[in-house]
Amino acid sequence: MSEPQVAATTAEYPSNVSDRLDRLVAEAQRTETYEQLLDVFDCLVADPYLTKTKGRLIEARRNEGGYWDLCCTLAAYARLFRPRTYLEIGVRQGRSAAIVAAICPAASLYLFDMWHPDYAGVENPGPEFVRAQLRRVGHRGPVRIVSGRSQESVPALLCGADAPGPFDLITVDGDHRDEGALADLNNVASHLAPGGLIAFDDIAHPDYPTLYGAWSSFVRSRPELRVRENLAAGTGTAVAMRNL
């Protein structure tokens, strides 16, 4: 697939982080963002979760905007800010990573997962499947896939002598227990670049009713972050941008 057009130049971005977040949320709700996501997803091997996401985007397109979730957020950030480095906890079949990879095909990707078989009732094929998904959307940048428990593997990489980072964009969508989610968030927060974004999923998921509390506890402890949340769409999405 061809590389998408850049939505704006860096000089056009608001200098205030709160204004940047408002711009991001507005971009996430545009029908052009839905169209771009549907184009990316058409390149991927589908599973029930991807099919459900496509259905939500088609409905949002029919309603001419007003909807944003994790996928919309990642696409909007990638379009607006062109991240060069992306870290993801909770990869599964590579849907979220493929969004960033399609829009920013030269970006460096660092992906962490435990590859639980039949995760949430859906096949979880593993790293080589994810690499194939990334190739399907035209990614040509470096990819590092790390297997294991993220509370151990993420600090091991990020605190090592040759640690990558800082990261422009981070998705945390792995351990949904409060303790594990908080550990993942805290492990990546100090490695977020100024103006970088952390995206966190499932804050309104009925199976994880306390996860929003864990997210709230995290952001209260991080005054350098500015936050936007959407509990009304899908299973709920939260984002936090680091001050410039």
C-alpha atoms as a PDB file:
ATOM      1  CA  MET A   1       0.000   0.000   0.000  1.00  0.00           C
ATOM      2  CA  SER A   2       1.202   3.557  -0.686  1.00  0.00           C
ATOM      3  CA  GLU A   3       2.406   5.792   2.129  1.00  0.00           C
ATOM      4  CA  PRO A   4      -0.340   8.170   3.340  1.00  0.00           C
ATOM      5  CA  GLN A   5      -0.025  11.912   2.951  1.00  0.00           C
ATOM      6  CA  VAL A   6       1.192  13.820   6.006  1.00  0.00           C
ATOM      7  CA  ALA A   7      -1.661  15.728   7.615  1.00  0.00           C
ATOM      8  CA  ALA A   8       0.419  18.776   8.577  1.00  0.00           C
ATOM      9  CA  THR A   9       3.970  19.978   9.004  1.00  0.00           C
ATOM     10  CA  THR A  10       5.536  20.066  12.450  1.00  0.00           C
ATOM     11  CA  ALA A  11       5.560  23.858  12.386  1.00  0.00           C
ATOM     12  CA  GLU A  12       1.750  23.835  12.205  1.00  0.00           C
ATOM     13  CA  TYR A  13       1.270  21.863  15.424  1.00  0.00           C
ATOM     14  CA  PRO A  14       0.108  23.766  18.515  1.00  0.00           C
ATOM     15  CA  SER A  15       2.953  24.459  20.937  1.00  0.00           C
ATOM     16  CA  ASN A  16       0.731  23.749  23.949  1.00  0.00           C
ATOM     17  CA  VAL A  17       0.338  20.053  24.841  1.00  0.00           C
ATOM     18  CA  SER A  18      -3.334  20.400  25.786  1.00  0.00           C
ATOM     19  CA  ASP A  19      -4.013  21.971  22.397  1.00  0.00           C
ATOM     20  CA  ARG A  20      -2.077  19.173  20.711  1.00  0.00           C
ATOM     21  CA  LEU A  21      -4.224  16.612  22.482  1.00  0.00           C
ATOM     22  CA  ASP A  22      -7.383  18.389  21.348  1.00  0.00           C
ATOM     23  CA  ARG A  23      -6.026  18.366  17.801  1.00  0.00           C
ATOM     24  CA  LEU A  24      -5.250  14.655  18.125  1.00  0.00           C
ATOM     25  CA  VAL A  25      -8.735  13.753  19.367  1.00  0.00           C
ATOM     26  CA  ALA A  26     -10.322  15.798  16.582  1.00  0.00           C
ATOM     27  CA  GLU A  27      -8.152  14.018  13.995  1.00  0.00           C
ATOM     28  CA  ALA A  28      -9.040  10.629  15.491  1.00  0.00           C
ATOM     29  CA  GLN A  29     -12.741  11.320  14.854  1.00  0.00           C
ATOM     30  CA  ARG A  30     -12.443  12.297  11.188  1.00  0.00           C
ATOM     31  CA  THR A  31     -13.970  10.054   8.555  1.00  0.00           C
ATOM     32  CA  GLU A  32     -10.605  10.194   6.729  1.00  0.00           C
ATOM     33  CA  THR A  33      -9.062   8.431   9.715  1.00  0.00           C
ATOM     34  CA  TYR A  34     -11.693   5.695   9.574  1.00  0.00           C
ATOM     35  CA  GLU A  35     -11.052   5.254   5.854  1.00  0.00           C
ATOM     36  CA  GLN A  36      -7.331   4.971   6.397  1.00  0.00           C
ATOM     37  CA  LEU A  37      -7.787   2.362   9.101  1.00  0.00           C
ATOM     38  CA  LEU A  38     -10.130   0.304   6.940  1.00  0.00           C
ATOM     39  CA  ASP A  39      -7.533   0.366   4.147  1.00  0.00           C
ATOM     40  CA  VAL A  40      -4.865  -0.900   6.568  1.00  0.00           C
ATOM     41  CA  PHE A  41      -7.114  -3.609   7.971  1.00  0.00           C
ATOM     42  CA  ASP A  42      -7.983  -4.847   4.486  1.00  0.00           C
ATOM     43  CA  CYS A  43      -4.292  -5.762   4.112  1.00  0.00           C
ATOM     44  CA  LEU A  44      -4.241  -7.921   7.242  1.00  0.00           C
ATOM     45  CA  VAL A  45      -5.257 -11.470   8.021  1.00  0.00           C
ATOM     46  CA  ALA A  46      -8.488 -10.901   9.917  1.00  0.00           C
ATOM     47  CA  ASP A  47      -9.690 -12.359  13.203  1.00  0.00           C
ATOM     48  CA  PRO A  48     -12.971 -11.751  15.093  1.00  0.00           C
ATOM     49  CA  TYR A  49     -11.561  -8.716  16.919  1.00  0.00           C
ATOM     50  CA  LEU A  50     -10.407  -7.081  13.701  1.00  0.00           C
ATOM     51  CA  THR A  51     -13.767  -7.792  12.081  1.00  0.00           C
ATOM     52  CA  LYS A  52     -15.565  -6.206  15.041  1.00  0.00           C
ATOM     53  CA  THR A  53     -13.317  -3.146  14.875  1.00  0.00           C
ATOM     54  CA  LYS A  54     -14.002  -2.760  11.167  1.00  0.00           C
ATOM     55  CA  GLY A  55     -17.720  -2.886  11.864  1.00  0.00           C
ATOM     56  CA  ARG A  56     -17.426  -0.067  14.400  1.00  0.00           C
ATOM     57  CA  LEU A  57     -15.435   2.046  11.955  1.00  0.00           C
ATOM     58  CA  ILE A  58     -17.942   1.487   9.162  1.00  0.00           C
ATOM     59  CA  GLU A  59     -20.737   2.563  11.502  1.00  0.00           C
ATOM     60  CA  ALA A  60     -18.714   5.625  12.572  1.00  0.00           C
ATOM     61  CA  ARG A  61     -18.130   6.532   8.930  1.00  0.00           C
ATOM     62  CA  ARG A  62     -21.863   6.235   8.301  1.00  0.00           C
ATOM     63  CA  ASN A  63     -22.420   8.659  11.181  1.00  0.00           C
ATOM     64  CA  GLU A  64     -19.775  11.020   9.734  1.00  0.00           C
ATOM     65  CA  GLY A  65     -17.464  11.086  12.739  1.00  0.00           C
ATOM     66  CA  GLY A  66     -17.704  11.422  16.490  1.00  0.00           C
ATOM     67  CA  TYR A  67     -16.106   8.057  17.348  1.00  0.00           C
ATOM     68  CA  TRP A  68     -12.558   7.387  18.516  1.00  0.00           C
ATOM     69  CA  ASP A  69     -10.886   4.366  20.067  1.00  0.00           C
ATOM     70  CA  LEU A  70      -7.349   3.007  20.382  1.00  0.00           C
ATOM     71  CA  CYS A  71      -7.012   2.344  16.657  1.00  0.00           C
ATOM     72  CA  CYS A  72      -8.255   5.814  15.734  1.00  0.00           C
ATOM     73  CA  THR A  73      -5.836   7.362  18.217  1.00  0.00           C
ATOM     74  CA  LEU A  74      -2.821   5.518  16.842  1.00  0.00           C
ATOM     75  CA  ALA A  75      -3.706   6.408  13.262  1.00  0.00           C
ATOM     76  CA  ALA A  76      -4.265  10.057  14.133  1.00  0.00           C
ATOM     77  CA  TYR A  77      -1.019  10.373  16.084  1.00  0.00           C
ATOM     78  CA  ALA A  78       0.934   8.659  13.330  1.00  0.00           C
ATOM     79  CA  ARG A  79      -0.578  10.964  10.697  1.00  0.00           C
ATOM     80  CA  LEU A  80       0.009  14.150  12.646  1.00  0.00           C
ATOM     81  CA  PHE A  81       3.324  13.549  14.389  1.00  0.00           C
ATOM     82  CA  ARG A  82       5.102  10.880  12.312  1.00  0.00           C
ATOM     83  CA  PRO A  83       6.631   8.884  15.194  1.00  0.00           C
ATOM     84  CA  ARG A  84      10.057   7.396  14.542  1.00  0.00           C
ATOM     85  CA  THR A  85       9.974   5.018  17.511  1.00  0.00           C
ATOM     86  CA  TYR A  86       7.052   2.914  18.715  1.00  0.00           C
ATOM     87  CA  LEU A  87       6.778   0.565  21.697  1.00  0.00           C
ATOM     88  CA  GLU A  88       3.863  -1.788  22.254  1.00  0.00           C
ATOM     89  CA  ILE A  89       2.973  -4.079  25.153  1.00  0.00           C
ATOM     90  CA  GLY A  90       0.337  -6.618  24.144  1.00  0.00           C
ATOM     91  CA  VAL A  91       0.767  -7.403  20.451  1.00  0.00           C
ATOM     92  CA  ARG A  92      -1.330 -10.498  19.721  1.00  0.00           C
ATOM     93  CA  GLN A  93      -1.916 -10.551  15.933  1.00  0.00           C
ATOM     94  CA  GLY A  94      -0.331  -7.145  15.320  1.00  0.00           C
ATOM     95  CA  ARG A  95      -3.356  -4.952  14.603  1.00  0.00           C
ATOM     96  CA  SER A  96      -2.143  -1.858  16.484  1.00  0.00           C
ATOM     97  CA  ALA A  97       1.473  -2.205  15.364  1.00  0.00           C
ATOM     98  CA  ALA A  98       0.312  -2.525  11.759  1.00  0.00           C
ATOM     99  CA  ILE A  99      -1.493   0.824  11.974  1.00  0.00           C
ATOM    100  CA  VAL A 100       1.685   2.637  12.968  1.00  0.00           C
ATOM    101  CA  ALA A 101       3.770   0.599  10.525  1.00  0.00           C
ATOM    102  CA  ALA A 102       1.490   1.407   7.586  1.00  0.00           C
ATOM    103  CA  ILE A 103       1.487   5.156   8.182  1.00  0.00           C
ATOM    104  CA  CYS A 104       5.145   5.392   9.242  1.00  0.00           C
ATOM    105  CA  PRO A 105       6.807   2.545   7.329  1.00  0.00           C
ATOM    106  CA  ALA A 106      10.342   3.465   8.420  1.00  0.00           C
ATOM    107  CA  ALA A 107       9.538   3.635  12.143  1.00  0.00           C
ATOM    108  CA  SER A 108      11.455   1.449  14.593  1.00  0.00           C
ATOM    109  CA  LEU A 109       9.084  -0.944  16.369  1.00  0.00           C
ATOM    110  CA  TYR A 110       9.632  -2.626  19.756  1.00  0.00           C
ATOM    111  CA  LEU A 111       6.914  -5.176  20.465  1.00  0.00           C
ATOM    112  CA  PHE A 112       6.370  -7.198  23.678  1.00  0.00           C
ATOM    113  CA  ASP A 113       4.031 -10.146  24.227  1.00  0.00           C
ATOM    114  CA  MET A 114       3.777 -13.474  26.050  1.00  0.00           C
ATOM    115  CA  TRP A 115       1.958 -15.163  23.139  1.00  0.00           C
ATOM    116  CA  HIS A 116      -0.621 -16.957  25.274  1.00  0.00           C
ATOM    117  CA  PRO A 117      -2.306 -19.559  23.038  1.00  0.00           C
ATOM    118  CA  ASP A 118      -5.949 -18.829  22.215  1.00  0.00           C
ATOM    119  CA  TYR A 119      -5.766 -15.483  24.000  1.00  0.00           C
ATOM    120  CA  ALA A 120      -9.327 -14.223  24.698  1.00  0.00           C
ATOM    121  CA  GLY A 121     -10.605 -17.129  22.627  1.00  0.00           C
ATOM    122  CA  VAL A 122      -8.716 -16.095  19.483  1.00  0.00           C
ATOM    123  CA  GLU A 123      -5.626 -17.659  17.922  1.00  0.00           C
ATOM    124  CA  ASN A 124      -2.350 -16.025  18.959  1.00  0.00           C
ATOM    125  CA  PRO A 125       0.135 -17.256  16.338  1.00  0.00           C
ATOM    126  CA  GLY A 126       3.325 -15.536  17.537  1.00  0.00           C
ATOM    127  CA  PRO A 127       6.173 -13.328  16.306  1.00  0.00           C
ATOM    128  CA  GLU A 128       6.550 -14.615  12.746  1.00  0.00           C
ATOM    129  CA  PHE A 129       2.859 -14.076  12.073  1.00  0.00           C
ATOM    130  CA  VAL A 130       3.197 -10.490  13.343  1.00  0.00           C
ATOM    131  CA  ARG A 131       6.227  -9.897  11.131  1.00  0.00           C
ATOM    132  CA  ALA A 132       4.185 -11.092   8.151  1.00  0.00           C
ATOM    133  CA  GLN A 133       1.363  -8.726   9.084  1.00  0.00           C
ATOM    134  CA  LEU A 134       3.818  -5.823   9.159  1.00  0.00           C
ATOM    135  CA  ARG A 135       5.150  -6.770   5.741  1.00  0.00           C
ATOM    136  CA  ARG A 136       1.600  -6.785   4.393  1.00  0.00           C
ATOM    137  CA  VAL A 137       1.237  -3.080   5.171  1.00  0.00           C
ATOM    138  CA  GLY A 138       4.636  -2.149   3.718  1.00  0.00           C
ATOM    139  CA  HIS A 139       6.705  -1.667   6.839  1.00  0.00           C
ATOM    140  CA  ARG A 140      10.431  -1.455   6.076  1.00  0.00           C
ATOM    141  CA  GLY A 141      11.896  -0.238   9.369  1.00  0.00           C
ATOM    142  CA  PRO A 142      13.554  -2.305  12.086  1.00  0.00           C
ATOM    143  CA  VAL A 143      11.381  -4.567  14.253  1.00  0.00           C
ATOM    144  CA  ARG A 144      12.363  -6.056  17.597  1.00  0.00           C
ATOM    145  CA  ILE A 145       9.912  -8.549  19.075  1.00  0.00           C
ATOM    146  CA  VAL A 146      10.514  -9.594  22.678  1.00  0.00           C
ATOM    147  CA  SER A 147       8.747 -12.607  24.171  1.00  0.00           C
ATOM    148  CA  GLY A 148       8.063 -12.953  27.869  1.00  0.00           C
ATOM    149  CA  ARG A 149       6.393 -11.292  30.812  1.00  0.00           C
ATOM    150  CA  SER A 150       6.380  -7.559  30.108  1.00  0.00           C
ATOM    151  CA  GLN A 151       7.003  -6.559  33.729  1.00  0.00           C
ATOM    152  CA  GLU A 152      10.382  -8.247  33.338  1.00  0.00           C
ATOM    153  CA  SER A 153      11.211  -7.963  29.634  1.00  0.00           C
ATOM    154  CA  VAL A 154      10.430  -4.254  29.226  1.00  0.00           C
ATOM    155  CA  PRO A 155      12.715  -3.031  32.062  1.00  0.00           C
ATOM    156  CA  ALA A 156      15.399  -5.471  30.970  1.00  0.00           C
ATOM    157  CA  LEU A 157      15.511  -3.846  27.540  1.00  0.00           C
ATOM    158  CA  LEU A 158      14.909  -0.228  28.505  1.00  0.00           C
ATOM    159  CA  CYS A 159      17.380  -0.151  31.379  1.00  0.00           C
ATOM    160  CA  GLY A 160      20.157  -1.976  29.560  1.00  0.00           C
ATOM    161  CA  ALA A 161      23.415  -0.474  28.355  1.00  0.00           C
ATOM    162  CA  ASP A 162      22.160  -0.266  24.756  1.00  0.00           C
ATOM    163  CA  ALA A 163      18.604   0.760  25.631  1.00  0.00           C
ATOM    164  CA  PRO A 164      16.525   2.249  22.797  1.00  0.00           C
ATOM    165  CA  GLY A 165      14.414   5.336  23.161  1.00  0.00           C
ATOM    166  CA  PRO A 166      13.029   7.702  24.038  1.00  0.00           C
ATOM    167  CA  PHE A 167       9.807   6.633  22.334  1.00  0.00           C
ATOM    168  CA  ASP A 168       7.473   8.900  20.422  1.00  0.00           C
ATOM    169  CA  LEU A 169       4.472   6.591  20.752  1.00  0.00           C
ATOM    170  CA  ILE A 170       3.677   3.808  23.242  1.00  0.00           C
ATOM    171  CA  THR A 171       0.699   1.467  23.485  1.00  0.00           C
ATOM    172  CA  VAL A 172       0.031  -0.414  26.731  1.00  0.00           C
ATOM    173  CA  ASP A 173      -2.552  -3.145  26.146  1.00  0.00           C
ATOM    174  CA  GLY A 174      -1.107  -6.162  27.912  1.00  0.00           C
ATOM    175  CA  ASP A 175      -1.684  -7.318  31.485  1.00  0.00           C
ATOM    176  CA  HIS A 176      -5.183  -6.211  32.540  1.00  0.00           C
ATOM    177  CA  ARG A 177      -4.709  -6.885  36.233  1.00  0.00           C
ATOM    178  CA  ASP A 178      -4.359  -3.618  38.122  1.00  0.00           C
ATOM    179  CA  GLU A 179      -0.904  -4.420  39.477  1.00  0.00           C
ATOM    180  CA  GLY A 180       0.427  -5.602  36.117  1.00  0.00           C
ATOM    181  CA  ALA A 181      -1.052  -2.704  34.170  1.00  0.00           C
ATOM    182  CA  LEU A 182       0.388  -0.175  36.613  1.00  0.00           C
ATOM    183  CA  ALA A 183       3.801  -1.805  36.393  1.00  0.00           C
ATOM    184  CA  ASP A 184       3.704  -1.667  32.583  1.00  0.00           C
ATOM    185  CA  LEU A 185       2.669   1.989  32.572  1.00  0.00           C
ATOM    186  CA  ASN A 186       5.323   3.016  35.073  1.00  0.00           C
ATOM    187  CA  ASN A 187       8.013   1.029  33.282  1.00  0.00           C
ATOM    188  CA  VAL A 188       7.485   2.930  30.031  1.00  0.00           C
ATOM    189  CA  ALA A 189       6.529   6.403  31.259  1.00  0.00           C
ATOM    190  CA  SER A 190      10.057   7.634  31.899  1.00  0.00           C
ATOM    191  CA  HIS A 191      11.049   6.534  28.399  1.00  0.00           C
ATOM    192  CA  LEU A 192       8.415   8.684  26.658  1.00  0.00           C
ATOM    193  CA  ALA A 193       9.783  11.518  24.529  1.00  0.00           C
ATOM    194  CA  PRO A 194       8.608  15.112  25.082  1.00  0.00           C
ATOM    195  CA  GLY A 195       5.377  15.449  23.116  1.00  0.00           C
ATOM    196  CA  GLY A 196       5.152  11.659  22.971  1.00  0.00           C
ATOM    197  CA  LEU A 197       1.954   9.741  23.635  1.00  0.00           C
ATOM    198  CA  ILE A 198       0.978   6.742  25.755  1.00  0.00           C
ATOM    199  CA  ALA A 199      -2.230   5.024  24.629  1.00  0.00           C
ATOM    200  CA  PHE A 200      -4.001   2.732  27.112  1.00  0.00           C
ATOM    201  CA  ASP A 201      -6.940   0.515  26.192  1.00  0.00           C
ATOM    202  CA  ASP A 202      -9.985  -1.045  27.879  1.00  0.00           C
ATOM    203  CA  ILE A 203     -10.613   1.535  30.612  1.00  0.00           C
ATOM    204  CA  ALA A 204     -14.373   0.852  30.274  1.00  0.00           C
ATOM    205  CA  HIS A 205     -14.203  -2.887  29.629  1.00  0.00           C
ATOM    206  CA  PRO A 206     -16.895  -4.692  31.664  1.00  0.00           C
ATOM    207  CA  ASP A 207     -14.545  -7.595  32.396  1.00  0.00           C
ATOM    208  CA  TYR A 208     -11.977  -5.263  34.005  1.00  0.00           C
ATOM    209  CA  PRO A 209     -14.019  -2.839  36.113  1.00  0.00           C
ATOM    210  CA  THR A 210     -11.057  -1.642  38.196  1.00  0.00           C
ATOM    211  CA  LEU A 211      -8.680  -0.947  35.315  1.00  0.00           C
ATOM    212  CA  TYR A 212      -9.806   2.673  35.026  1.00  0.00           C
ATOM    213  CA  GLY A 213      -8.827   3.160  38.649  1.00  0.00           C
ATOM    214  CA  ALA A 214      -5.360   1.839  37.906  1.00  0.00           C
ATOM    215  CA  TRP A 215      -5.022   4.268  34.999  1.00  0.00           C
ATOM    216  CA  SER A 216      -6.226   7.161  37.155  1.00  0.00           C
ATOM    217  CA  SER A 217      -3.707   6.281  39.847  1.00  0.00           C
ATOM    218  CA  PHE A 218      -0.943   6.258  37.251  1.00  0.00           C
ATOM    219  CA  VAL A 219      -1.709   9.668  35.757  1.00  0.00           C
ATOM    220  CA  ARG A 220      -2.104  11.268  39.196  1.00  0.00           C
ATOM    221  CA  SER A 221       1.482  10.236  39.910  1.00  0.00           C
ATOM    222  CA  ARG A 222       2.774  11.747  36.657  1.00  0.00           C
ATOM    223  CA  PRO A 223       2.314  15.537  36.614  1.00  0.00           C
ATOM    224  CA  GLU A 224       4.304  15.745  33.374  1.00  0.00           C
ATOM    225  CA  LEU A 225       1.411  14.099  31.493  1.00  0.00           C
ATOM    226  CA  ARG A 226      -1.739  15.641  30.036  1.00  0.00           C
ATOM    227  CA  VAL A 227      -4.678  13.280  29.566  1.00  0.00           C
ATOM    228  CA  ARG A 228      -7.734  12.665  27.395  1.00  0.00           C
ATOM    229  CA  GLU A 229     -10.169   9.790  27.939  1.00  0.00           C
ATOM    230  CA  ASN A 230     -13.110   8.257  26.094  1.00  0.00           C
ATOM    231  CA  LEU A 231     -15.224   5.840  28.090  1.00  0.00           C
ATOM    232  CA  ALA A 232     -18.151   5.924  25.661  1.00  0.00           C
ATOM    233  CA  ALA A 233     -16.663   4.195  22.595  1.00  0.00           C
ATOM    234  CA  GLY A 234     -15.795   0.519  22.331  1.00  0.00           C
ATOM    235  CA  THR A 235     -14.156  -0.681  25.541  1.00  0.00           C
ATOM    236  CA  GLY A 236     -12.749   2.729  26.437  1.00  0.00           C
ATOM    237  CA  THR A 237      -9.473   4.427  25.530  1.00  0.00           C
ATOM    238  CA  ALA A 238      -7.183   6.791  27.418  1.00  0.00           C
ATOM    239  CA  VAL A 239      -4.188   8.773  26.171  1.00  0.00           C
ATOM    240  CA  ALA A 240      -1.499  10.768  27.931  1.00  0.00           C
ATOM    241  CA  MET A 241       0.934  13.172  26.265  1.00  0.00           C
ATOM    242  CA  ARG A 242       4.180  14.264  27.888  1.00  0.00           C
ATOM    243  CA  ASN A 243       4.826  17.962  28.281  1.00  0.00           C
ATOM    244  CA  LEU A 244       7.246  19.505  25.792  1.00  0.00           C
END
